[in-house]
């Protein structure tokens, strides 16, 4: 699934994790809103969730993931796998068009409707139309800087916003620090 119309990036570095997203909401080729909040903390601030895709679908998945996190006592891997299974097999959920990034201080995961649960090996992953631009920038910053995870996420999103027409520069950043 190729999700357009946003950029969400997660970065893990030096025991900290940051997730940032732009605020643009588009409908076709029209910008409808510029300050949406697509990244949030859950579970008493111990987990960050970001989403891209159809807004109602993303909120549905967000709520389902939050319920799984509570059920599995903050084990995001187990919660992600169980959500992916439900998403893949449930008739209603199967139609949802969105993707999630989830992170705690230990790991970052991408969850998709095709049943994928992916943990990046580099400590960086993105979703949305500008994800590849932000991802590439983040990899470069990781290798060559003393920047924090949050600084890398924001600088990388700035680059994506300059290149991707579906990404603006109104960013929301959430962090879990070591």
Protein backbone atom coordinates (compact mmCIF):
# COMPACT_ATOMS: atom_id res chain seq x y z
CA UNK A 1 0.00 0.00 0.00
CA UNK A 2 1.34 3.43 -0.92
CA UNK A 3 0.03 6.05 1.49
CA UNK A 4 0.16 9.61 0.25
CA UNK A 5 -0.54 12.90 1.90
CA UNK A 6 1.71 12.94 4.93
CA UNK A 7 5.11 12.12 6.32
CA UNK A 8 5.77 10.40 9.65
CA UNK A 9 9.31 9.54 10.73
CA UNK A 10 10.62 7.64 13.76
CA UNK A 11 14.26 7.81 14.87
CA UNK A 12 16.00 5.84 17.63
CA UNK A 13 19.40 7.01 18.83
CA UNK A 14 21.42 6.78 22.04
CA UNK A 15 18.58 5.20 24.01
CA UNK A 16 16.03 7.83 22.99
CA UNK A 17 13.28 7.62 20.40
CA UNK A 18 11.54 10.44 18.56
CA UNK A 19 8.61 10.45 16.19
CA UNK A 20 7.61 13.46 14.13
CA UNK A 21 4.98 14.17 11.50
CA UNK A 22 3.89 17.04 9.35
CA UNK A 23 0.43 18.52 9.82
CA UNK A 24 -0.94 18.60 6.28
CA UNK A 25 -4.27 16.99 5.43
CA UNK A 26 -5.16 16.87 1.75
CA UNK A 27 -8.30 15.94 -0.08
CA UNK A 28 -7.33 15.13 -3.64
CA UNK A 29 -5.13 18.02 -4.73
CA UNK A 30 -6.46 20.48 -2.12
CA UNK A 31 -4.91 21.21 1.26
CA UNK A 32 -7.77 21.02 3.75
CA UNK A 33 -5.83 21.51 6.99
CA UNK A 34 -2.26 22.33 7.88
CA UNK A 35 -2.00 21.55 11.59
CA UNK A 36 -3.26 17.99 12.13
CA UNK A 37 -1.67 16.02 14.95
CA UNK A 38 -0.63 12.62 13.53
CA UNK A 39 1.73 11.62 16.35
CA UNK A 40 0.63 10.93 19.93
CA UNK A 41 1.82 9.37 23.14
CA UNK A 42 -0.15 6.59 24.80
CA UNK A 43 0.23 4.31 27.81
CA UNK A 44 1.28 7.06 30.25
CA UNK A 45 3.73 8.53 27.74
CA UNK A 46 5.71 5.30 27.32
CA UNK A 47 4.65 4.61 23.71
CA UNK A 48 4.45 6.87 20.67
CA UNK A 49 2.08 6.18 17.77
CA UNK A 50 2.05 7.92 14.39
CA UNK A 51 -0.23 7.31 11.44
CA UNK A 52 -0.61 7.99 7.74
CA UNK A 53 -3.54 7.36 5.47
CA UNK A 54 -7.28 7.91 5.61
CA UNK A 55 -7.97 9.78 8.84
CA UNK A 56 -10.95 7.77 10.09
CA UNK A 57 -9.16 4.53 9.24
CA UNK A 58 -6.02 5.70 11.05
CA UNK A 59 -7.99 6.62 14.18
CA UNK A 60 -9.71 3.23 14.15
CA UNK A 61 -6.34 1.47 13.99
CA UNK A 62 -4.87 3.81 16.59
CA UNK A 63 -7.67 2.88 19.02
CA UNK A 64 -7.33 -0.84 18.26
CA UNK A 65 -3.56 -0.67 18.85
CA UNK A 66 -4.04 1.18 22.12
CA UNK A 67 -6.44 -1.55 23.30
CA UNK A 68 -3.89 -4.24 22.33
CA UNK A 69 -1.14 -2.37 24.22
CA UNK A 70 -3.29 -2.41 27.36
CA UNK A 71 -4.19 -6.07 26.84
CA UNK A 72 -0.52 -7.07 26.45
CA UNK A 73 0.80 -4.74 29.16
CA UNK A 74 2.87 -2.42 26.92
CA UNK A 75 4.52 -5.21 24.90
CA UNK A 76 4.41 -3.32 21.59
CA UNK A 77 5.69 -6.26 19.56
CA UNK A 78 2.91 -8.56 20.75
CA UNK A 79 0.33 -5.77 20.41
CA UNK A 80 1.53 -5.01 16.87
CA UNK A 81 1.46 -8.66 15.78
CA UNK A 82 -2.03 -9.16 17.21
CA UNK A 83 -3.29 -5.97 15.55
CA UNK A 84 -1.74 -7.01 12.23
CA UNK A 85 -3.46 -10.40 12.48
CA UNK A 86 -6.82 -8.78 13.20
CA UNK A 87 -6.29 -6.20 10.47
CA UNK A 88 -5.53 -8.91 7.94
CA UNK A 89 -8.38 -11.28 8.83
CA UNK A 90 -11.28 -9.09 9.98
CA UNK A 91 -13.67 -8.14 7.15
CA UNK A 92 -14.16 -4.57 8.32
CA UNK A 93 -10.56 -3.88 9.30
CA UNK A 94 -9.24 -5.35 6.04
CA UNK A 95 -10.71 -2.38 4.17
CA UNK A 96 -8.87 0.24 6.22
CA UNK A 97 -6.30 2.29 4.33
CA UNK A 98 -3.68 3.53 6.73
CA UNK A 99 -0.33 2.61 8.26
CA UNK A 100 1.00 2.95 11.79
CA UNK A 101 4.41 3.58 13.29
CA UNK A 102 4.73 2.65 16.95
CA UNK A 103 7.69 3.06 19.27
CA UNK A 104 8.78 2.66 22.84
CA UNK A 105 12.24 3.27 24.28
CA UNK A 106 13.40 -0.14 23.04
CA UNK A 107 12.10 -0.40 19.47
CA UNK A 108 10.27 1.09 16.52
CA UNK A 109 7.73 -0.91 14.49
CA UNK A 110 5.80 -0.33 11.28
CA UNK A 111 2.38 -2.01 11.11
CA UNK A 112 0.56 -2.38 7.79
CA UNK A 113 -2.74 -3.79 6.61
CA UNK A 114 -0.97 -6.49 4.63
CA UNK A 115 0.06 -8.13 7.89
CA UNK A 116 3.54 -6.64 8.05
CA UNK A 117 5.20 -5.80 11.34
CA UNK A 118 8.64 -4.43 10.52
CA UNK A 119 11.40 -3.37 12.90
CA UNK A 120 14.01 -1.28 11.05
CA UNK A 121 17.60 -2.39 11.45
CA UNK A 122 19.00 1.15 11.23
CA UNK A 123 16.78 2.68 13.93
CA UNK A 124 14.92 4.86 11.40
CA UNK A 125 11.68 4.30 9.51
CA UNK A 126 9.08 6.47 7.83
CA UNK A 127 5.61 6.22 6.31
CA UNK A 128 3.67 8.43 3.95
CA UNK A 129 4.40 10.22 0.72
CA UNK A 130 7.52 11.99 1.96
CA UNK A 131 8.85 9.01 3.90
CA UNK A 132 11.70 8.12 1.54
CA UNK A 133 13.02 11.70 1.56
CA UNK A 134 12.87 11.94 5.36
CA UNK A 135 14.28 8.42 5.78
CA UNK A 136 17.27 9.17 3.54
CA UNK A 137 18.02 12.41 5.35
CA UNK A 138 17.73 10.72 8.74
CA UNK A 139 20.18 7.99 7.74
CA UNK A 140 22.69 10.63 6.69
CA UNK A 141 22.23 12.58 9.94
CA UNK A 142 22.56 9.39 12.02
CA UNK A 143 25.89 8.53 10.44
CA UNK A 144 27.45 11.94 10.55
CA UNK A 145 26.22 13.99 13.47
CA UNK A 146 25.92 14.50 17.19
CA UNK A 147 22.26 15.44 16.84
CA UNK A 148 19.61 13.94 19.13
CA UNK A 149 16.88 11.64 17.80
CA UNK A 150 14.40 14.53 17.95
CA UNK A 151 16.71 16.93 16.11
CA UNK A 152 17.31 14.32 13.40
CA UNK A 153 13.56 13.72 13.01
CA UNK A 154 12.78 17.43 12.64
CA UNK A 155 15.67 18.20 10.27
CA UNK A 156 14.74 15.20 8.13
CA UNK A 157 11.11 16.27 7.93
CA UNK A 158 12.22 19.75 6.86
CA UNK A 159 13.97 18.18 3.89
CA UNK A 160 10.91 16.08 3.04
CA UNK A 161 8.69 19.19 3.21
CA UNK A 162 10.90 20.94 0.64
CA UNK A 163 10.53 18.05 -1.83
CA UNK A 164 7.14 16.38 -1.21
CA UNK A 165 4.04 18.39 -2.12
CA UNK A 166 1.95 16.38 0.38
CA UNK A 167 4.19 17.33 3.32
CA UNK A 168 4.16 20.73 5.03
CA UNK A 169 6.50 22.24 7.60
CA UNK A 170 4.07 22.34 10.53
CA UNK A 171 5.62 19.53 12.58
CA UNK A 172 4.58 17.68 15.72
CA UNK A 173 7.36 15.91 17.63
CA UNK A 174 7.01 13.41 20.46
CA UNK A 175 10.01 11.94 22.27
CA UNK A 176 10.84 9.32 24.85
CA UNK A 177 14.25 10.11 26.28
CA UNK A 178 16.74 7.77 27.91
